[in-house]
Amino acid sequence: MRIAYLTGEYPRATDTFIQREVAALRQQGVQIETFSVRPTGEEHMVGEEQRQERNQTFYILPPSPKKLLRAHLSLLLASPKRYLAGLKLAWSTRLHGLKGNLYQLFYFLEAGILAQEIRRRRIPHLHNHFGDSSCTVAMLAAELGGFSYSFTLHGPYIFFQPYHWRLDEKINRALFVSCISNYCRSQGMIFSQIDKWSKLHIVHYGIATALFNFISHQGQEKRLLYVGRLSAVKGLPILLESLVTLKKHHPDIILTVVGDGSDRTYLEQMTVNLGLSNNVAFVGYKS
């Protein structure tokens, strides 16, 4: 079995769950080839596994004019009917207005490069993570290239703009959709036809405990661990406020925060303001 995996930016330190998924499928004998819309910044290369994935990932951007023209011309000559169907799909799912038209043009051009590369490698199926712009590229590429596609539906941002991202059409055309939670699936059901609900499968993200060595902490010391993006929407301000209450009964409690993100400075300052400087350690990204 051969599958192409696409995300907007791969591999990112904040998306290690995608890398684990790819690794687990490869261990089961599935041949996974990774694709990304844009290259990943050096700040995400926090371990050897990230560097290995980056070195074997195909990046759509930035394309050379020659490469772009060759890809679309090849698709057009291979199947004019299919190419025009892809163009029609791009037009019908665009966001109206000059900005929407321009963005959809970019997605269509990117989709052509992706479709041609997947066809060249003779990969029969494409799977995409997230339902926004990279999923638009995946949907258009599948139409242009004549292969099937699926995607993992996360949240909650995609559900704030479901019509903007044409979630209805993406679910309709997908071979299947992996939903990360019951809530996610229920939202997908709202924006899809009843006969498409059977495509929506719940696939929870868990932790492969075999990857870790268990350590027993001696004494009465209490330790907490947070791993994730440092963004307020993840609930970290609530966690810090809760720690103030816990500290009253457990003054030696220690919270280690692994990760980075746009709200790190704010959260570090909040830690100081709450008198938790000796109880919280921000250690950044970790392999």
C-alpha atoms as a PDB file:
ATOM      1  CA  MET A   1       0.000   0.000   0.000  1.00  0.00           C
ATOM      2  CA  ARG A   2       1.337   3.421  -0.986  1.00  0.00           C
ATOM      3  CA  ILE A   3      -0.065   6.669   0.385  1.00  0.00           C
ATOM      4  CA  ALA A   4       0.945  10.305  -0.067  1.00  0.00           C
ATOM      5  CA  TYR A   5       0.668  12.426   3.096  1.00  0.00           C
ATOM      6  CA  LEU A   6       0.171  16.194   2.811  1.00  0.00           C
ATOM      7  CA  THR A   7       0.136  19.067   5.301  1.00  0.00           C
ATOM      8  CA  GLY A   8       0.632  22.785   4.923  1.00  0.00           C
ATOM      9  CA  GLU A   9       3.984  22.621   6.689  1.00  0.00           C
ATOM     10  CA  TYR A  10       5.815  19.404   7.547  1.00  0.00           C
ATOM     11  CA  PRO A  11       7.478  18.409   9.795  1.00  0.00           C
ATOM     12  CA  ARG A  12       6.610  20.915  12.521  1.00  0.00           C
ATOM     13  CA  ALA A  13       7.576  20.374  16.138  1.00  0.00           C
ATOM     14  CA  THR A  14       4.016  21.274  17.114  1.00  0.00           C
ATOM     15  CA  ASP A  15       2.592  18.524  14.853  1.00  0.00           C
ATOM     16  CA  THR A  16       4.512  15.528  16.147  1.00  0.00           C
ATOM     17  CA  PHE A  17       1.237  13.578  16.198  1.00  0.00           C
ATOM     18  CA  ILE A  18       1.366  13.540  12.399  1.00  0.00           C
ATOM     19  CA  GLN A  19       4.940  12.236  12.435  1.00  0.00           C
ATOM     20  CA  ARG A  20       3.914   9.501  14.902  1.00  0.00           C
ATOM     21  CA  GLU A  21       1.029   8.536  12.640  1.00  0.00           C
ATOM     22  CA  VAL A  22       3.310   8.323   9.616  1.00  0.00           C
ATOM     23  CA  ALA A  23       5.869   6.298  11.587  1.00  0.00           C
ATOM     24  CA  ALA A  24       3.214   3.882  12.886  1.00  0.00           C
ATOM     25  CA  LEU A  25       1.848   3.274   9.388  1.00  0.00           C
ATOM     26  CA  ARG A  26       5.333   2.663   8.062  1.00  0.00           C
ATOM     27  CA  GLN A  27       5.910   0.118  10.833  1.00  0.00           C
ATOM     28  CA  GLN A  28       2.799  -1.688   9.601  1.00  0.00           C
ATOM     29  CA  GLY A  29       4.268  -1.934   6.109  1.00  0.00           C
ATOM     30  CA  VAL A  30       2.513   1.019   4.491  1.00  0.00           C
ATOM     31  CA  GLN A  31       4.744   3.011   2.153  1.00  0.00           C
ATOM     32  CA  ILE A  32       4.214   6.653   3.109  1.00  0.00           C
ATOM     33  CA  GLU A  33       5.677   9.498   1.055  1.00  0.00           C
ATOM     34  CA  THR A  34       5.359  12.931   2.643  1.00  0.00           C
ATOM     35  CA  PHE A  35       4.487  16.189   0.908  1.00  0.00           C
ATOM     36  CA  SER A  36       4.244  19.728   2.249  1.00  0.00           C
ATOM     37  CA  VAL A  37       2.979  22.976   0.771  1.00  0.00           C
ATOM     38  CA  ARG A  38       5.865  24.987   2.214  1.00  0.00           C
ATOM     39  CA  PRO A  39       9.238  24.241   3.855  1.00  0.00           C
ATOM     40  CA  THR A  40       9.535  24.108   7.627  1.00  0.00           C
ATOM     41  CA  GLY A  41      11.545  26.636   9.605  1.00  0.00           C
ATOM     42  CA  GLU A  42      14.762  25.594  11.292  1.00  0.00           C
ATOM     43  CA  GLU A  43      13.187  26.209  14.717  1.00  0.00           C
ATOM     44  CA  HIS A  44      11.095  23.054  14.183  1.00  0.00           C
ATOM     45  CA  MET A  45      14.141  20.826  13.694  1.00  0.00           C
ATOM     46  CA  VAL A  46      14.277  19.842  17.366  1.00  0.00           C
ATOM     47  CA  GLY A  47      15.398  16.251  16.854  1.00  0.00           C
ATOM     48  CA  GLU A  48      16.943  13.883  14.359  1.00  0.00           C
ATOM     49  CA  GLU A  49      13.497  12.539  13.431  1.00  0.00           C
ATOM     50  CA  GLN A  50      12.438  16.009  12.218  1.00  0.00           C
ATOM     51  CA  ARG A  51      15.570  16.396  10.114  1.00  0.00           C
ATOM     52  CA  GLN A  52      15.083  12.961   8.548  1.00  0.00           C
ATOM     53  CA  GLU A  53      11.480  13.736   7.652  1.00  0.00           C
ATOM     54  CA  ARG A  54      12.410  17.112   6.193  1.00  0.00           C
ATOM     55  CA  ASN A  55      15.091  15.569   4.010  1.00  0.00           C
ATOM     56  CA  GLN A  56      12.659  13.106   2.436  1.00  0.00           C
ATOM     57  CA  THR A  57       9.640  15.419   2.086  1.00  0.00           C
ATOM     58  CA  PHE A  58       8.577  16.932  -1.260  1.00  0.00           C
ATOM     59  CA  TYR A  59       7.906  20.678  -0.976  1.00  0.00           C
ATOM     60  CA  ILE A  60       5.533  22.365  -3.403  1.00  0.00           C
ATOM     61  CA  LEU A  61       6.766  25.884  -2.669  1.00  0.00           C
ATOM     62  CA  PRO A  62       8.612  27.739  -3.925  1.00  0.00           C
ATOM     63  CA  PRO A  63       8.138  26.381  -7.475  1.00  0.00           C
ATOM     64  CA  SER A  64      10.123  27.479 -10.505  1.00  0.00           C
ATOM     65  CA  PRO A  65       8.040  28.850 -13.421  1.00  0.00           C
ATOM     66  CA  LYS A  66       9.373  26.010 -15.578  1.00  0.00           C
ATOM     67  CA  LYS A  67       8.345  23.356 -13.077  1.00  0.00           C
ATOM     68  CA  LEU A  68       4.908  24.927 -12.661  1.00  0.00           C
ATOM     69  CA  LEU A  69       4.266  25.149 -16.387  1.00  0.00           C
ATOM     70  CA  ARG A  70       5.517  21.620 -17.048  1.00  0.00           C
ATOM     71  CA  ALA A  71       3.287  20.139 -14.346  1.00  0.00           C
ATOM     72  CA  HIS A  72       0.090  21.782 -15.562  1.00  0.00           C
ATOM     73  CA  LEU A  73       0.855  21.158 -19.230  1.00  0.00           C
ATOM     74  CA  SER A  74       1.486  17.468 -18.509  1.00  0.00           C
ATOM     75  CA  LEU A  75      -1.828  17.166 -16.675  1.00  0.00           C
ATOM     76  CA  LEU A  76      -3.690  18.956 -19.454  1.00  0.00           C
ATOM     77  CA  LEU A  77      -2.212  16.752 -22.177  1.00  0.00           C
ATOM     78  CA  ALA A  78      -2.731  13.559 -20.157  1.00  0.00           C
ATOM     79  CA  SER A  79      -6.449  14.247 -19.689  1.00  0.00           C
ATOM     80  CA  PRO A  80      -7.986  17.511 -20.940  1.00  0.00           C
ATOM     81  CA  LYS A  81     -11.379  16.466 -19.567  1.00  0.00           C
ATOM     82  CA  ARG A  82     -10.013  15.837 -16.082  1.00  0.00           C
ATOM     83  CA  TYR A  83      -7.985  19.049 -16.125  1.00  0.00           C
ATOM     84  CA  LEU A  84     -11.033  21.111 -17.042  1.00  0.00           C
ATOM     85  CA  ALA A  85     -13.020  19.345 -14.303  1.00  0.00           C
ATOM     86  CA  GLY A  86     -10.334  20.392 -11.823  1.00  0.00           C
ATOM     87  CA  LEU A  87     -10.501  23.956 -13.072  1.00  0.00           C
ATOM     88  CA  LYS A  88     -14.293  23.908 -12.741  1.00  0.00           C
ATOM     89  CA  LEU A  89     -14.020  22.564  -9.185  1.00  0.00           C
ATOM     90  CA  ALA A  90     -11.563  25.313  -8.258  1.00  0.00           C
ATOM     91  CA  TRP A  91     -13.923  27.946  -9.646  1.00  0.00           C
ATOM     92  CA  SER A  92     -17.039  26.546  -7.944  1.00  0.00           C
ATOM     93  CA  THR A  93     -15.393  26.287  -4.494  1.00  0.00           C
ATOM     94  CA  ARG A  94     -13.638  29.651  -4.525  1.00  0.00           C
ATOM     95  CA  LEU A  95     -14.346  32.410  -2.030  1.00  0.00           C
ATOM     96  CA  HIS A  96     -15.953  35.290  -3.936  1.00  0.00           C
ATOM     97  CA  GLY A  97     -14.082  38.537  -4.312  1.00  0.00           C
ATOM     98  CA  LEU A  98     -10.670  39.467  -5.678  1.00  0.00           C
ATOM     99  CA  LYS A  99      -8.767  38.074  -2.696  1.00  0.00           C
ATOM    100  CA  GLY A 100     -10.706  34.817  -2.771  1.00  0.00           C
ATOM    101  CA  ASN A 101     -10.119  34.399  -6.500  1.00  0.00           C
ATOM    102  CA  LEU A 102      -6.385  35.023  -6.140  1.00  0.00           C
ATOM    103  CA  TYR A 103      -6.000  32.551  -3.286  1.00  0.00           C
ATOM    104  CA  GLN A 104      -7.937  29.907  -5.201  1.00  0.00           C
ATOM    105  CA  LEU A 105      -5.679  30.457  -8.198  1.00  0.00           C
ATOM    106  CA  PHE A 106      -2.643  29.834  -5.996  1.00  0.00           C
ATOM    107  CA  TYR A 107      -4.229  26.666  -4.575  1.00  0.00           C
ATOM    108  CA  PHE A 108      -4.975  25.430  -8.082  1.00  0.00           C
ATOM    109  CA  LEU A 109      -1.411  26.058  -9.242  1.00  0.00           C
ATOM    110  CA  GLU A 110      -0.039  24.280  -6.161  1.00  0.00           C
ATOM    111  CA  ALA A 111      -2.463  21.402  -6.734  1.00  0.00           C
ATOM    112  CA  GLY A 112      -1.127  20.937 -10.249  1.00  0.00           C
ATOM    113  CA  ILE A 113       2.448  20.493  -9.003  1.00  0.00           C
ATOM    114  CA  LEU A 114       1.279  18.079  -6.312  1.00  0.00           C
ATOM    115  CA  ALA A 115      -0.932  16.063  -8.668  1.00  0.00           C
ATOM    116  CA  GLN A 116       1.801  15.672 -11.251  1.00  0.00           C
ATOM    117  CA  GLU A 117       4.358  14.536  -8.661  1.00  0.00           C
ATOM    118  CA  ILE A 118       1.951  11.999  -7.144  1.00  0.00           C
ATOM    119  CA  ARG A 119       1.102  10.684 -10.618  1.00  0.00           C
ATOM    120  CA  ARG A 120       4.794  10.458 -11.479  1.00  0.00           C
ATOM    121  CA  ARG A 121       5.381   8.346  -8.372  1.00  0.00           C
ATOM    122  CA  ARG A 122       2.272   6.240  -9.142  1.00  0.00           C
ATOM    123  CA  ILE A 123       0.732   6.764  -5.709  1.00  0.00           C
ATOM    124  CA  PRO A 124      -2.994   5.873  -5.724  1.00  0.00           C
ATOM    125  CA  HIS A 125      -4.160   7.784  -2.636  1.00  0.00           C
ATOM    126  CA  LEU A 126      -3.509  11.120  -0.924  1.00  0.00           C
ATOM    127  CA  HIS A 127      -4.230  11.848   2.748  1.00  0.00           C
ATOM    128  CA  ASN A 128      -4.226  15.389   4.115  1.00  0.00           C
ATOM    129  CA  HIS A 129      -4.177  16.766   7.660  1.00  0.00           C
ATOM    130  CA  PHE A 130      -6.419  19.744   8.572  1.00  0.00           C
ATOM    131  CA  GLY A 131      -9.410  20.917   6.557  1.00  0.00           C
ATOM    132  CA  ASP A 132      -8.334  24.384   5.475  1.00  0.00           C
ATOM    133  CA  SER A 133      -5.991  25.498   2.666  1.00  0.00           C
ATOM    134  CA  SER A 134      -3.889  22.331   2.382  1.00  0.00           C
ATOM    135  CA  CYS A 135      -7.115  20.326   2.108  1.00  0.00           C
ATOM    136  CA  THR A 136      -8.236  22.584  -0.742  1.00  0.00           C
ATOM    137  CA  VAL A 137      -4.954  21.786  -2.494  1.00  0.00           C
ATOM    138  CA  ALA A 138      -5.485  18.065  -1.796  1.00  0.00           C
ATOM    139  CA  MET A 139      -9.048  18.084  -3.136  1.00  0.00           C
ATOM    140  CA  LEU A 140      -8.027  19.887  -6.318  1.00  0.00           C
ATOM    141  CA  ALA A 141      -4.953  17.684  -6.785  1.00  0.00           C
ATOM    142  CA  ALA A 142      -7.082  14.530  -6.509  1.00  0.00           C
ATOM    143  CA  GLU A 143      -9.412  15.859  -9.212  1.00  0.00           C
ATOM    144  CA  LEU A 144      -6.518  16.844 -11.485  1.00  0.00           C
ATOM    145  CA  GLY A 145      -4.554  13.650 -10.922  1.00  0.00           C
ATOM    146  CA  GLY A 146      -7.388  11.126 -10.956  1.00  0.00           C
ATOM    147  CA  PHE A 147      -6.562   9.552  -7.566  1.00  0.00           C
ATOM    148  CA  SER A 148      -8.556   9.354  -4.328  1.00  0.00           C
ATOM    149  CA  TYR A 149      -8.019  11.495  -1.269  1.00  0.00           C
ATOM    150  CA  SER A 150      -8.999  11.627   2.397  1.00  0.00           C
ATOM    151  CA  PHE A 151      -8.301  13.976   5.257  1.00  0.00           C
ATOM    152  CA  THR A 152      -8.102  14.230   9.021  1.00  0.00           C
ATOM    153  CA  LEU A 153     -10.573  16.751  10.389  1.00  0.00           C
ATOM    154  CA  HIS A 154      -9.262  18.611  13.427  1.00  0.00           C
ATOM    155  CA  GLY A 155     -10.759  21.643  15.112  1.00  0.00           C
ATOM    156  CA  PRO A 156     -12.068  23.916  16.308  1.00  0.00           C
ATOM    157  CA  TYR A 157     -10.907  26.636  13.887  1.00  0.00           C
ATOM    158  CA  ILE A 158     -12.232  24.933  10.776  1.00  0.00           C
ATOM    159  CA  PHE A 159     -15.743  25.019  12.273  1.00  0.00           C
ATOM    160  CA  PHE A 160     -15.591  28.804  12.648  1.00  0.00           C
ATOM    161  CA  GLN A 161     -15.412  29.140   8.837  1.00  0.00           C
ATOM    162  CA  PRO A 162     -16.899  25.926   7.395  1.00  0.00           C
ATOM    163  CA  TYR A 163     -18.418  27.654   4.361  1.00  0.00           C
ATOM    164  CA  HIS A 164     -15.245  29.625   3.697  1.00  0.00           C
ATOM    165  CA  TRP A 165     -13.306  26.351   3.409  1.00  0.00           C
ATOM    166  CA  ARG A 166     -16.139  24.466   1.668  1.00  0.00           C
ATOM    167  CA  LEU A 167     -16.112  21.687   4.216  1.00  0.00           C
ATOM    168  CA  ASP A 168     -19.272  20.292   2.611  1.00  0.00           C
ATOM    169  CA  GLU A 169     -17.600  19.689  -0.763  1.00  0.00           C
ATOM    170  CA  LYS A 170     -14.421  18.309   0.799  1.00  0.00           C
ATOM    171  CA  ILE A 171     -16.359  15.714   2.793  1.00  0.00           C
ATOM    172  CA  ASN A 172     -18.519  14.919  -0.225  1.00  0.00           C
ATOM    173  CA  ARG A 173     -15.504  14.145  -2.436  1.00  0.00           C
ATOM    174  CA  ALA A 174     -13.286  12.450   0.157  1.00  0.00           C
ATOM    175  CA  LEU A 175     -12.941   8.677   0.276  1.00  0.00           C
ATOM    176  CA  PHE A 176     -13.171   8.965   4.068  1.00  0.00           C
ATOM    177  CA  VAL A 177     -12.631  11.507   6.828  1.00  0.00           C
ATOM    178  CA  SER A 178     -10.806  10.829  10.114  1.00  0.00           C
ATOM    179  CA  CYS A 179     -12.368  12.896  12.929  1.00  0.00           C
ATOM    180  CA  ILE A 180     -10.274  13.367  16.054  1.00  0.00           C
ATOM    181  CA  SER A 181     -13.256  13.388  18.436  1.00  0.00           C
ATOM    182  CA  ASN A 182     -17.002  12.871  18.753  1.00  0.00           C
ATOM    183  CA  TYR A 183     -17.440  16.646  18.713  1.00  0.00           C
ATOM    184  CA  CYS A 184     -15.433  16.872  15.512  1.00  0.00           C
ATOM    185  CA  ARG A 185     -17.557  14.195  13.831  1.00  0.00           C
ATOM    186  CA  SER A 186     -20.802  15.837  14.943  1.00  0.00           C
ATOM    187  CA  GLN A 187     -19.681  19.136  13.406  1.00  0.00           C
ATOM    188  CA  GLY A 188     -18.722  17.322  10.196  1.00  0.00           C
ATOM    189  CA  MET A 189     -22.208  15.806  10.094  1.00  0.00           C
ATOM    190  CA  ILE A 190     -23.748  19.283  10.185  1.00  0.00           C
ATOM    191  CA  PHE A 191     -21.913  20.277   7.023  1.00  0.00           C
ATOM    192  CA  SER A 192     -22.381  17.067   5.044  1.00  0.00           C
ATOM    193  CA  GLN A 193     -25.271  15.150   3.550  1.00  0.00           C
ATOM    194  CA  ILE A 194     -26.822  12.276   5.478  1.00  0.00           C
ATOM    195  CA  ASP A 195     -25.583   9.674   3.004  1.00  0.00           C
ATOM    196  CA  LYS A 196     -22.012  10.930   3.583  1.00  0.00           C
ATOM    197  CA  TRP A 197     -22.053  10.464   7.371  1.00  0.00           C
ATOM    198  CA  SER A 198     -20.706   6.930   7.027  1.00  0.00           C
ATOM    199  CA  LYS A 199     -17.472   8.461   5.693  1.00  0.00           C
ATOM    200  CA  LEU A 200     -16.824  10.184   9.033  1.00  0.00           C
ATOM    201  CA  HIS A 201     -14.764   7.948  11.316  1.00  0.00           C
ATOM    202  CA  ILE A 202     -13.581   8.823  14.837  1.00  0.00           C
ATOM    203  CA  VAL A 203      -9.852   8.237  15.259  1.00  0.00           C
ATOM    204  CA  HIS A 204      -8.651   9.498  18.634  1.00  0.00           C
ATOM    205  CA  TYR A 205      -5.086  10.619  19.149  1.00  0.00           C
ATOM    206  CA  GLY A 206      -3.430   8.717  21.951  1.00  0.00           C
ATOM    207  CA  ILE A 207       0.039   8.280  23.380  1.00  0.00           C
ATOM    208  CA  ALA A 208       2.238   5.336  22.444  1.00  0.00           C
ATOM    209  CA  THR A 209       3.466   4.517  25.953  1.00  0.00           C
ATOM    210  CA  ALA A 210       6.122   2.156  24.566  1.00  0.00           C
ATOM    211  CA  LEU A 211       8.051   5.231  23.404  1.00  0.00           C
ATOM    212  CA  PHE A 212       8.737   6.312  26.984  1.00  0.00           C
ATOM    213  CA  ASN A 213      10.662   5.034  29.980  1.00  0.00           C
ATOM    214  CA  PHE A 214       8.606   5.272  33.143  1.00  0.00           C
ATOM    215  CA  ILE A 215      10.232   7.001  36.103  1.00  0.00           C
ATOM    216  CA  SER A 216       9.068   6.806  39.713  1.00  0.00           C
ATOM    217  CA  HIS A 217       9.683  10.082  41.535  1.00  0.00           C
ATOM    218  CA  GLN A 218      10.816   9.549  45.091  1.00  0.00           C
ATOM    219  CA  GLY A 219       9.474  11.383  48.103  1.00  0.00           C
ATOM    220  CA  GLN A 220       6.495  13.706  48.282  1.00  0.00           C
ATOM    221  CA  GLU A 221       7.395  15.894  45.289  1.00  0.00           C
ATOM    222  CA  LYS A 222       4.468  16.472  42.931  1.00  0.00           C
ATOM    223  CA  ARG A 223       5.191  16.795  39.229  1.00  0.00           C
ATOM    224  CA  LEU A 224       2.919  17.870  36.375  1.00  0.00           C
ATOM    225  CA  LEU A 225       3.736  17.893  32.671  1.00  0.00           C
ATOM    226  CA  TYR A 226       2.232  19.895  29.797  1.00  0.00           C
ATOM    227  CA  VAL A 227       3.224  19.124  26.213  1.00  0.00           C
ATOM    228  CA  GLY A 228       1.795  21.222  23.396  1.00  0.00           C
ATOM    229  CA  ARG A 229       1.596  24.533  21.629  1.00  0.00           C
ATOM    230  CA  LEU A 230       1.936  27.562  23.898  1.00  0.00           C
ATOM    231  CA  SER A 231      -1.322  29.226  22.973  1.00  0.00           C
ATOM    232  CA  ALA A 232      -4.040  30.527  25.269  1.00  0.00           C
ATOM    233  CA  VAL A 233      -6.672  28.488  23.390  1.00  0.00           C
ATOM    234  CA  LYS A 234      -5.027  25.339  24.759  1.00  0.00           C
ATOM    235  CA  GLY A 235      -6.169  26.342  28.255  1.00  0.00           C
ATOM    236  CA  LEU A 236      -2.797  27.168  29.751  1.00  0.00           C
ATOM    237  CA  PRO A 237      -4.008  30.317  31.568  1.00  0.00           C
ATOM    238  CA  ILE A 238      -6.571  28.127  33.372  1.00  0.00           C
ATOM    239  CA  LEU A 239      -3.866  25.601  34.219  1.00  0.00           C
ATOM    240  CA  LEU A 240      -1.681  28.327  35.728  1.00  0.00           C
ATOM    241  CA  GLU A 241      -4.579  29.767  37.726  1.00  0.00           C
ATOM    242  CA  SER A 242      -5.349  26.268  39.021  1.00  0.00           C
ATOM    243  CA  LEU A 243      -1.730  25.870  40.048  1.00  0.00           C
ATOM    244  CA  VAL A 244      -2.106  28.829  42.431  1.00  0.00           C
ATOM    245  CA  THR A 245      -4.807  26.854  44.282  1.00  0.00           C
ATOM    246  CA  LEU A 246      -2.794  23.628  44.240  1.00  0.00           C
ATOM    247  CA  LYS A 247       0.281  25.423  45.548  1.00  0.00           C
ATOM    248  CA  LYS A 248      -1.554  26.321  48.771  1.00  0.00           C
ATOM    249  CA  HIS A 249      -1.716  22.629  49.678  1.00  0.00           C
ATOM    250  CA  HIS A 250       1.354  21.412  47.766  1.00  0.00           C
ATOM    251  CA  PRO A 251       3.981  24.190  47.824  1.00  0.00           C
ATOM    252  CA  ASP A 252       6.599  21.931  46.176  1.00  0.00           C
ATOM    253  CA  ILE A 253       4.483  21.206  43.083  1.00  0.00           C
ATOM    254  CA  ILE A 254       6.404  21.521  39.801  1.00  0.00           C
ATOM    255  CA  LEU A 255       4.900  22.031  36.347  1.00  0.00           C
ATOM    256  CA  THR A 256       7.163  21.464  33.332  1.00  0.00           C
ATOM    257  CA  VAL A 257       5.883  23.093  30.137  1.00  0.00           C
ATOM    258  CA  VAL A 258       7.208  21.560  26.919  1.00  0.00           C
ATOM    259  CA  GLY A 259       6.541  23.421  23.669  1.00  0.00           C
ATOM    260  CA  ASP A 260       6.566  26.875  22.175  1.00  0.00           C
ATOM    261  CA  GLY A 261       4.129  29.239  20.548  1.00  0.00           C
ATOM    262  CA  SER A 262       2.825  32.755  20.024  1.00  0.00           C
ATOM    263  CA  ASP A 263       1.670  33.239  23.639  1.00  0.00           C
ATOM    264  CA  ARG A 264       4.841  32.073  25.381  1.00  0.00           C
ATOM    265  CA  THR A 265       5.911  35.565  26.500  1.00  0.00           C
ATOM    266  CA  TYR A 266       2.431  36.286  27.877  1.00  0.00           C
ATOM    267  CA  LEU A 267       2.298  32.966  29.735  1.00  0.00           C
ATOM    268  CA  GLU A 268       5.771  33.416  31.200  1.00  0.00           C
ATOM    269  CA  GLN A 269       4.789  36.854  32.484  1.00  0.00           C
ATOM    270  CA  MET A 270       1.541  35.439  33.867  1.00  0.00           C
ATOM    271  CA  THR A 271       3.611  32.854  35.760  1.00  0.00           C
ATOM    272  CA  VAL A 272       5.627  35.648  37.381  1.00  0.00           C
ATOM    273  CA  ASN A 273       2.522  37.690  38.209  1.00  0.00           C
ATOM    274  CA  LEU A 274       0.900  34.674  39.895  1.00  0.00           C
ATOM    275  CA  GLY A 275       3.984  34.014  42.023  1.00  0.00           C
ATOM    276  CA  LEU A 276       4.721  30.691  40.314  1.00  0.00           C
ATOM    277  CA  SER A 277       8.277  31.336  39.128  1.00  0.00           C
ATOM    278  CA  ASN A 278       9.658  28.526  41.307  1.00  0.00           C
ATOM    279  CA  ASN A 279       6.884  26.134  40.356  1.00  0.00           C
ATOM    280  CA  VAL A 280       6.807  26.371  36.552  1.00  0.00           C
ATOM    281  CA  ALA A 281       9.597  25.627  34.081  1.00  0.00           C
ATOM    282  CA  PHE A 282       9.224  26.584  30.419  1.00  0.00           C
ATOM    283  CA  VAL A 283      11.703  24.352  28.562  1.00  0.00           C
ATOM    284  CA  GLY A 284      10.722  25.019  24.923  1.00  0.00           C
ATOM    285  CA  TYR A 285      10.525  22.409  22.177  1.00  0.00           C
ATOM    286  CA  LYS A 286      11.908  18.950  22.902  1.00  0.00           C
ATOM    287  CA  SER A 287      12.593  15.976  20.663  1.00  0.00           C
END
